[in-house]
Amino acid sequence: SLYGKGWAKSRIIQLLRIIDWLMALPPHLEQSLR
């Protein structure tokens, strides 16, 4: 959903970091998601 927000790239990256930090996944699922 972040890709449709039209926010600045720096803001998108900040939120990616926060969401990634909050929503921890096992390594194999994290790799699949990436």
All heavy atoms as atom14 arrays in JSON, in Angstrom:
{
  "sequence": "SLYGKGWAKSRIIQLLRIIDWLMALPPHLEQSLR",
  "atom14_mask": [
    [1, 1, 1, 1, 1, 1, 0, 0, 0, 0, 0, 0, 0, 0],
    [1, 1, 1, 1, 1, 1, 1, 1, 0, 0, 0, 0, 0, 0],
    [1, 1, 1, 1, 1, 1, 1, 1, 1, 1, 1, 1, 0, 0],
    [1, 1, 1, 1, 0, 0, 0, 0, 0, 0, 0, 0, 0, 0],
    [1, 1, 1, 1, 1, 1, 1, 1, 1, 0, 0, 0, 0, 0],
    [1, 1, 1, 1, 0, 0, 0, 0, 0, 0, 0, 0, 0, 0],
    [1, 1, 1, 1, 1, 1, 1, 1, 1, 1, 1, 1, 1, 1],
    [1, 1, 1, 1, 1, 0, 0, 0, 0, 0, 0, 0, 0, 0],
    [1, 1, 1, 1, 1, 1, 1, 1, 1, 0, 0, 0, 0, 0],
    [1, 1, 1, 1, 1, 1, 0, 0, 0, 0, 0, 0, 0, 0],
    [1, 1, 1, 1, 1, 1, 1, 1, 1, 1, 1, 0, 0, 0],
    [1, 1, 1, 1, 1, 1, 1, 1, 0, 0, 0, 0, 0, 0],
    [1, 1, 1, 1, 1, 1, 1, 1, 0, 0, 0, 0, 0, 0],
    [1, 1, 1, 1, 1, 1, 1, 1, 1, 0, 0, 0, 0, 0],
    [1, 1, 1, 1, 1, 1, 1, 1, 0, 0, 0, 0, 0, 0],
    [1, 1, 1, 1, 1, 1, 1, 1, 0, 0, 0, 0, 0, 0],
    [1, 1, 1, 1, 1, 1, 1, 1, 1, 1, 1, 0, 0, 0],
    [1, 1, 1, 1, 1, 1, 1, 1, 0, 0, 0, 0, 0, 0],
    [1, 1, 1, 1, 1, 1, 1, 1, 0, 0, 0, 0, 0, 0],
    [1, 1, 1, 1, 1, 1, 1, 1, 0, 0, 0, 0, 0, 0],
    [1, 1, 1, 1, 1, 1, 1, 1, 1, 1, 1, 1, 1, 1],
    [1, 1, 1, 1, 1, 1, 1, 1, 0, 0, 0, 0, 0, 0],
    [1, 1, 1, 1, 1, 1, 1, 1, 0, 0, 0, 0, 0, 0],
    [1, 1, 1, 1, 1, 0, 0, 0, 0, 0, 0, 0, 0, 0],
    [1, 1, 1, 1, 1, 1, 1, 1, 0, 0, 0, 0, 0, 0],
    [1, 1, 1, 1, 1, 1, 1, 0, 0, 0, 0, 0, 0, 0],
    [1, 1, 1, 1, 1, 1, 1, 0, 0, 0, 0, 0, 0, 0],
    [1, 1, 1, 1, 1, 1, 1, 1, 1, 1, 0, 0, 0, 0],
    [1, 1, 1, 1, 1, 1, 1, 1, 0, 0, 0, 0, 0, 0],
    [1, 1, 1, 1, 1, 1, 1, 1, 1, 0, 0, 0, 0, 0],
    [1, 1, 1, 1, 1, 1, 1, 1, 1, 0, 0, 0, 0, 0],
    [1, 1, 1, 1, 1, 1, 0, 0, 0, 0, 0, 0, 0, 0],
    [1, 1, 1, 1, 1, 1, 1, 1, 0, 0, 0, 0, 0, 0],
    [1, 1, 1, 1, 1, 1, 1, 1, 1, 1, 1, 0, 0, 0]
  ],
  "atom14_positions": [
    [[0.82, -1.22, 0.0], [0.0, 0.0, 0.0], [0.85, 1.27, 0.0], [0.38, 2.33, -0.44], [-0.94, 0.01, 1.21], [-0.22, 0.21, 2.42], [0.0, 0.0, 0.0], [0.0, 0.0, 0.0], [0.0, 0.0, 0.0], [0.0, 0.0, 0.0], [0.0, 0.0, 0.0], [0.0, 0.0, 0.0], [0.0, 0.0, 0.0], [0.0, 0.0, 0.0]],
    [[2.08, 1.16, 0.46], [2.96, 2.33, 0.48], [3.22, 2.86, -0.93], [3.44, 4.06, -1.12], [4.3, 1.98, 1.14], [4.33, 1.88, 2.67], [5.68, 1.36, 3.13], [4.05, 3.23, 3.3], [0.0, 0.0, 0.0], [0.0, 0.0, 0.0], [0.0, 0.0, 0.0], [0.0, 0.0, 0.0], [0.0, 0.0, 0.0], [0.0, 0.0, 0.0]],
    [[3.21, 1.97, -1.9], [3.57, 2.35, -3.26], [2.53, 3.26, -3.91], [2.82, 3.93, -4.9], [3.8, 1.11, -4.12], [5.05, 0.35, -3.74], [5.09, -0.41, -2.58], [6.18, 0.42, -4.53], [6.23, -1.1, -2.21], [7.34, -0.27, -4.17], [7.35, -1.03, -3.01], [8.48, -1.7, -2.65], [0.0, 0.0, 0.0], [0.0, 0.0, 0.0]],
    [[1.34, 3.27, -3.35], [0.31, 4.12, -3.93], [0.11, 5.43, -3.18], [-0.82, 6.18, -3.49], [0.0, 0.0, 0.0], [0.0, 0.0, 0.0], [0.0, 0.0, 0.0], [0.0, 0.0, 0.0], [0.0, 0.0, 0.0], [0.0, 0.0, 0.0], [0.0, 0.0, 0.0], [0.0, 0.0, 0.0], [0.0, 0.0, 0.0], [0.0, 0.0, 0.0]],
    [[0.94, 5.69, -2.18], [0.74, 6.86, -1.34], [1.22, 8.17, -1.97], [0.75, 9.24, -1.62], [1.46, 6.66, 0.01], [0.79, 5.65, 0.93], [-0.57, 6.15, 1.37], [-1.2, 5.24, 2.4], [-2.54, 5.74, 2.81], [0.0, 0.0, 0.0], [0.0, 0.0, 0.0], [0.0, 0.0, 0.0], [0.0, 0.0, 0.0], [0.0, 0.0, 0.0]],
    [[2.19, 8.08, -2.86], [2.71, 9.31, -3.44], [3.57, 10.12, -2.51], [3.79, 11.32, -2.74], [0.0, 0.0, 0.0], [0.0, 0.0, 0.0], [0.0, 0.0, 0.0], [0.0, 0.0, 0.0], [0.0, 0.0, 0.0], [0.0, 0.0, 0.0], [0.0, 0.0, 0.0], [0.0, 0.0, 0.0], [0.0, 0.0, 0.0], [0.0, 0.0, 0.0]],
    [[4.04, 9.51, -1.43], [4.9, 10.21, -0.49], [6.33, 10.27, -1.01], [6.72, 9.53, -1.93], [4.89, 9.51, 0.87], [3.59, 9.66, 1.6], [2.69, 10.68, 1.47], [3.05, 8.77, 2.58], [1.61, 10.48, 2.31], [1.8, 9.32, 3.0], [3.47, 7.58, 3.14], [0.99, 8.71, 3.94], [2.66, 6.96, 4.09], [1.45, 7.51, 4.49]],
    [[7.15, 11.11, -0.4], [8.55, 11.22, -0.76], [9.26, 9.89, -0.5], [8.88, 9.14, 0.4], [9.23, 12.34, 0.03], [0.0, 0.0, 0.0], [0.0, 0.0, 0.0], [0.0, 0.0, 0.0], [0.0, 0.0, 0.0], [0.0, 0.0, 0.0], [0.0, 0.0, 0.0], [0.0, 0.0, 0.0], [0.0, 0.0, 0.0], [0.0, 0.0, 0.0]],
    [[10.29, 9.63, -1.3], [11.01, 8.37, -1.17], [11.58, 8.2, 0.24], [11.53, 7.1, 0.81], [12.15, 8.32, -2.19], [12.93, 7.01, -2.18], [13.96, 6.98, -3.29], [14.72, 5.65, -3.29], [15.7, 5.56, -4.39], [0.0, 0.0, 0.0], [0.0, 0.0, 0.0], [0.0, 0.0, 0.0], [0.0, 0.0, 0.0], [0.0, 0.0, 0.0]],
    [[12.08, 9.29, 0.83], [12.64, 9.19, 2.18], [11.59, 8.77, 3.19], [11.86, 7.98, 4.09], [13.27, 10.53, 2.59], [12.28, 11.56, 2.57], [0.0, 0.0, 0.0], [0.0, 0.0, 0.0], [0.0, 0.0, 0.0], [0.0, 0.0, 0.0], [0.0, 0.0, 0.0], [0.0, 0.0, 0.0], [0.0, 0.0, 0.0], [0.0, 0.0, 0.0]],
    [[10.36, 9.27, 3.04], [9.27, 8.91, 3.94], [8.9, 7.44, 3.75], [8.64, 6.72, 4.74], [8.07, 9.82, 3.68], [6.78, 9.47, 4.45], [6.97, 9.43, 5.95], [7.58, 10.6, 6.49], [6.93, 11.7, 6.86], [5.63, 11.78, 6.7], [7.58, 12.71, 7.4], [0.0, 0.0, 0.0], [0.0, 0.0, 0.0], [0.0, 0.0, 0.0]],
    [[8.85, 6.97, 2.52], [8.54, 5.56, 2.26], [9.56, 4.65, 2.93], [9.21, 3.65, 3.58], [8.51, 5.28, 0.74], [7.41, 6.11, 0.06], [8.31, 3.79, 0.47], [6.01, 5.7, 0.38], [0.0, 0.0, 0.0], [0.0, 0.0, 0.0], [0.0, 0.0, 0.0], [0.0, 0.0, 0.0], [0.0, 0.0, 0.0], [0.0, 0.0, 0.0]],
    [[10.83, 5.0, 2.79], [11.9, 4.18, 3.37], [11.82, 4.18, 4.9], [12.02, 3.15, 5.55], [13.28, 4.66, 2.89], [13.41, 4.41, 1.38], [14.41, 3.96, 3.63], [14.65, 5.0, 0.76], [0.0, 0.0, 0.0], [0.0, 0.0, 0.0], [0.0, 0.0, 0.0], [0.0, 0.0, 0.0], [0.0, 0.0, 0.0], [0.0, 0.0, 0.0]],
    [[11.49, 5.34, 5.48], [11.33, 5.4, 6.93], [10.23, 4.47, 7.4], [10.39, 3.73, 8.39], [11.02, 6.85, 7.35], [12.2, 7.8, 7.23], [11.77, 9.25, 7.38], [10.59, 9.59, 7.3], [12.74, 10.12, 7.6], [0.0, 0.0, 0.0], [0.0, 0.0, 0.0], [0.0, 0.0, 0.0], [0.0, 0.0, 0.0], [0.0, 0.0, 0.0]],
    [[9.11, 4.48, 6.69], [7.99, 3.63, 7.08], [8.28, 2.16, 6.81], [7.84, 1.29, 7.57], [6.72, 4.08, 6.36], [6.11, 5.37, 6.92], [5.08, 5.93, 5.97], [5.49, 5.12, 8.29], [0.0, 0.0, 0.0], [0.0, 0.0, 0.0], [0.0, 0.0, 0.0], [0.0, 0.0, 0.0], [0.0, 0.0, 0.0], [0.0, 0.0, 0.0]],
    [[9.01, 1.88, 5.76], [9.42, 0.5, 5.52], [10.21, -0.03, 6.71], [10.01, -1.16, 7.16], [10.28, 0.42, 4.25], [9.57, 0.22, 2.92], [10.55, 0.37, 1.77], [8.89, -1.13, 2.86], [0.0, 0.0, 0.0], [0.0, 0.0, 0.0], [0.0, 0.0, 0.0], [0.0, 0.0, 0.0], [0.0, 0.0, 0.0], [0.0, 0.0, 0.0]],
    [[11.11, 0.77, 7.21], [11.93, 0.36, 8.33], [11.07, 0.1, 9.57], [11.25, -0.91, 10.27], [12.98, 1.43, 8.63], [13.83, 1.17, 9.87], [14.78, 2.33, 10.09], [15.46, 2.21, 11.38], [16.58, 1.53, 11.58], [17.15, 0.89, 10.57], [17.13, 1.49, 12.77], [0.0, 0.0, 0.0], [0.0, 0.0, 0.0], [0.0, 0.0, 0.0]],
    [[10.12, 1.01, 9.84], [9.29, 0.87, 11.03], [8.37, -0.35, 10.92], [8.24, -1.13, 11.87], [8.48, 2.16, 11.24], [9.44, 3.3, 11.64], [7.41, 1.97, 12.32], [8.82, 4.68, 11.53], [0.0, 0.0, 0.0], [0.0, 0.0, 0.0], [0.0, 0.0, 0.0], [0.0, 0.0, 0.0], [0.0, 0.0, 0.0], [0.0, 0.0, 0.0]],
    [[7.74, -0.54, 9.76], [6.87, -1.69, 9.57], [7.66, -2.98, 9.66], [7.24, -3.97, 10.28], [6.14, -1.59, 8.22], [5.12, -0.43, 8.25], [5.42, -2.9, 7.88], [4.51, -0.1, 6.9], [0.0, 0.0, 0.0], [0.0, 0.0, 0.0], [0.0, 0.0, 0.0], [0.0, 0.0, 0.0], [0.0, 0.0, 0.0], [0.0, 0.0, 0.0]],
    [[8.85, -2.99, 9.04], [9.69, -4.19, 9.08], [10.08, -4.52, 10.52], [10.13, -5.68, 10.92], [10.93, -3.96, 8.22], [11.79, -5.2, 8.1], [11.31, -6.19, 7.52], [12.94, -5.19, 8.59], [0.0, 0.0, 0.0], [0.0, 0.0, 0.0], [0.0, 0.0, 0.0], [0.0, 0.0, 0.0], [0.0, 0.0, 0.0], [0.0, 0.0, 0.0]],
    [[10.37, -3.49, 11.29], [10.78, -3.67, 12.68], [9.62, -4.22, 13.52], [9.8, -5.11, 14.35], [11.25, -2.33, 13.22], [12.31, -2.39, 14.26], [12.64, -3.45, 15.05], [13.19, -1.33, 14.62], [13.67, -3.12, 15.88], [14.03, -1.82, 15.65], [13.35, -0.02, 14.19], [15.01, -1.04, 16.25], [14.34, 0.75, 14.79], [15.15, 0.25, 15.8]],
    [[8.44, -3.67, 13.31], [7.28, -4.11, 14.09], [6.85, -5.52, 13.72], [6.64, -6.36, 14.6], [6.11, -3.15, 13.85], [5.95, -1.94, 14.75], [4.88, -1.01, 14.2], [5.61, -2.35, 16.17], [0.0, 0.0, 0.0], [0.0, 0.0, 0.0], [0.0, 0.0, 0.0], [0.0, 0.0, 0.0], [0.0, 0.0, 0.0], [0.0, 0.0, 0.0]],
    [[6.74, -5.78, 12.44], [6.11, -7.02, 11.98], [7.17, -8.07, 11.66], [7.35, -8.49, 10.51], [5.22, -6.73, 10.78], [4.19, -5.64, 11.05], [2.97, -5.45, 9.72], [1.96, -6.9, 9.97], [0.0, 0.0, 0.0], [0.0, 0.0, 0.0], [0.0, 0.0, 0.0], [0.0, 0.0, 0.0], [0.0, 0.0, 0.0], [0.0, 0.0, 0.0]],
    [[7.86, -8.53, 12.69], [8.94, -9.5, 12.51], [8.42, -10.81, 11.95], [7.35, -11.29, 12.33], [9.64, -9.74, 13.85], [0.0, 0.0, 0.0], [0.0, 0.0, 0.0], [0.0, 0.0, 0.0], [0.0, 0.0, 0.0], [0.0, 0.0, 0.0], [0.0, 0.0, 0.0], [0.0, 0.0, 0.0], [0.0, 0.0, 0.0], [0.0, 0.0, 0.0]],
    [[9.19, -11.4, 11.02], [8.85, -12.67, 10.39], [10.0, -13.65, 10.52], [11.17, -13.24, 10.64], [8.54, -12.46, 8.9], [7.25, -11.75, 8.53], [7.24, -11.44, 7.04], [6.04, -12.59, 8.91], [0.0, 0.0, 0.0], [0.0, 0.0, 0.0], [0.0, 0.0, 0.0], [0.0, 0.0, 0.0], [0.0, 0.0, 0.0], [0.0, 0.0, 0.0]],
    [[9.73, -14.96, 10.44], [10.81, -15.94, 10.37], [11.64, -15.71, 9.11], [11.15, -15.16, 8.12], [10.07, -17.29, 10.31], [8.72, -17.0, 10.84], [8.4, -15.59, 10.47], [0.0, 0.0, 0.0], [0.0, 0.0, 0.0], [0.0, 0.0, 0.0], [0.0, 0.0, 0.0], [0.0, 0.0, 0.0], [0.0, 0.0, 0.0], [0.0, 0.0, 0.0]],
    [[12.92, -16.11, 9.12], [13.83, -15.79, 8.0], [13.31, -16.22, 6.63], [13.42, -15.47, 5.66], [15.11, -16.55, 8.37], [15.06, -16.67, 9.86], [13.61, -16.81, 10.22], [0.0, 0.0, 0.0], [0.0, 0.0, 0.0], [0.0, 0.0, 0.0], [0.0, 0.0, 0.0], [0.0, 0.0, 0.0], [0.0, 0.0, 0.0], [0.0, 0.0, 0.0]],
    [[12.73, -17.43, 6.51], [12.32, -17.89, 5.19], [11.15, -17.07, 4.64], [11.06, -16.8, 3.44], [11.96, -19.38, 5.23], [10.72, -19.71, 6.0], [10.7, -19.71, 7.39], [9.47, -20.04, 5.59], [9.48, -20.04, 7.8], [8.72, -20.23, 6.73], [0.0, 0.0, 0.0], [0.0, 0.0, 0.0], [0.0, 0.0, 0.0], [0.0, 0.0, 0.0]],
    [[10.25, -16.63, 5.53], [9.14, -15.79, 5.09], [9.62, -14.38, 4.77], [9.12, -13.74, 3.84], [8.04, -15.76, 6.14], [7.25, -17.04, 6.33], [6.19, -16.88, 7.42], [6.59, -17.47, 5.02], [0.0, 0.0, 0.0], [0.0, 0.0, 0.0], [0.0, 0.0, 0.0], [0.0, 0.0, 0.0], [0.0, 0.0, 0.0], [0.0, 0.0, 0.0]],
    [[10.58, -13.9, 5.55], [11.15, -12.57, 5.28], [11.8, -12.56, 3.9], [11.65, -11.6, 3.12], [12.16, -12.2, 6.36], [12.57, -10.74, 6.35], [11.42, -9.82, 6.66], [10.78, -9.98, 7.73], [11.14, -8.94, 5.82], [0.0, 0.0, 0.0], [0.0, 0.0, 0.0], [0.0, 0.0, 0.0], [0.0, 0.0, 0.0], [0.0, 0.0, 0.0]],
    [[12.53, -13.61, 3.57], [13.18, -13.7, 2.27], [12.15, -13.74, 1.14], [12.3, -13.08, 0.11], [14.07, -14.94, 2.2], [14.84, -15.07, 0.9], [15.74, -16.29, 0.89], [15.72, -17.1, 1.82], [16.52, -16.45, -0.16], [0.0, 0.0, 0.0], [0.0, 0.0, 0.0], [0.0, 0.0, 0.0], [0.0, 0.0, 0.0], [0.0, 0.0, 0.0]],
    [[11.09, -14.52, 1.35], [10.03, -14.59, 0.34], [9.37, -13.23, 0.14], [9.09, -12.82, -1.0], [8.99, -15.63, 0.77], [7.86, -15.59, -0.09], [0.0, 0.0, 0.0], [0.0, 0.0, 0.0], [0.0, 0.0, 0.0], [0.0, 0.0, 0.0], [0.0, 0.0, 0.0], [0.0, 0.0, 0.0], [0.0, 0.0, 0.0], [0.0, 0.0, 0.0]],
    [[9.13, -12.53, 1.24], [8.51, -11.21, 1.15], [9.38, -10.25, 0.36], [8.9, -9.5, -0.5], [8.24, -10.67, 2.56], [7.59, -9.29, 2.63], [6.17, -9.34, 2.1], [7.61, -8.76, 4.05], [0.0, 0.0, 0.0], [0.0, 0.0, 0.0], [0.0, 0.0, 0.0], [0.0, 0.0, 0.0], [0.0, 0.0, 0.0], [0.0, 0.0, 0.0]],
    [[10.68, -10.24, 0.65], [11.59, -9.34, -0.06], [11.61, -9.65, -1.56], [11.68, -8.74, -2.38], [13.01, -9.45, 0.52], [13.13, -8.99, 1.96], [12.75, -7.52, 2.12], [12.72, -7.12, 3.52], [13.75, -6.58, 4.16], [14.89, -6.39, 3.54], [13.63, -6.23, 5.42], [0.0, 0.0, 0.0], [0.0, 0.0, 0.0], [0.0, 0.0, 0.0]]
  ]
}
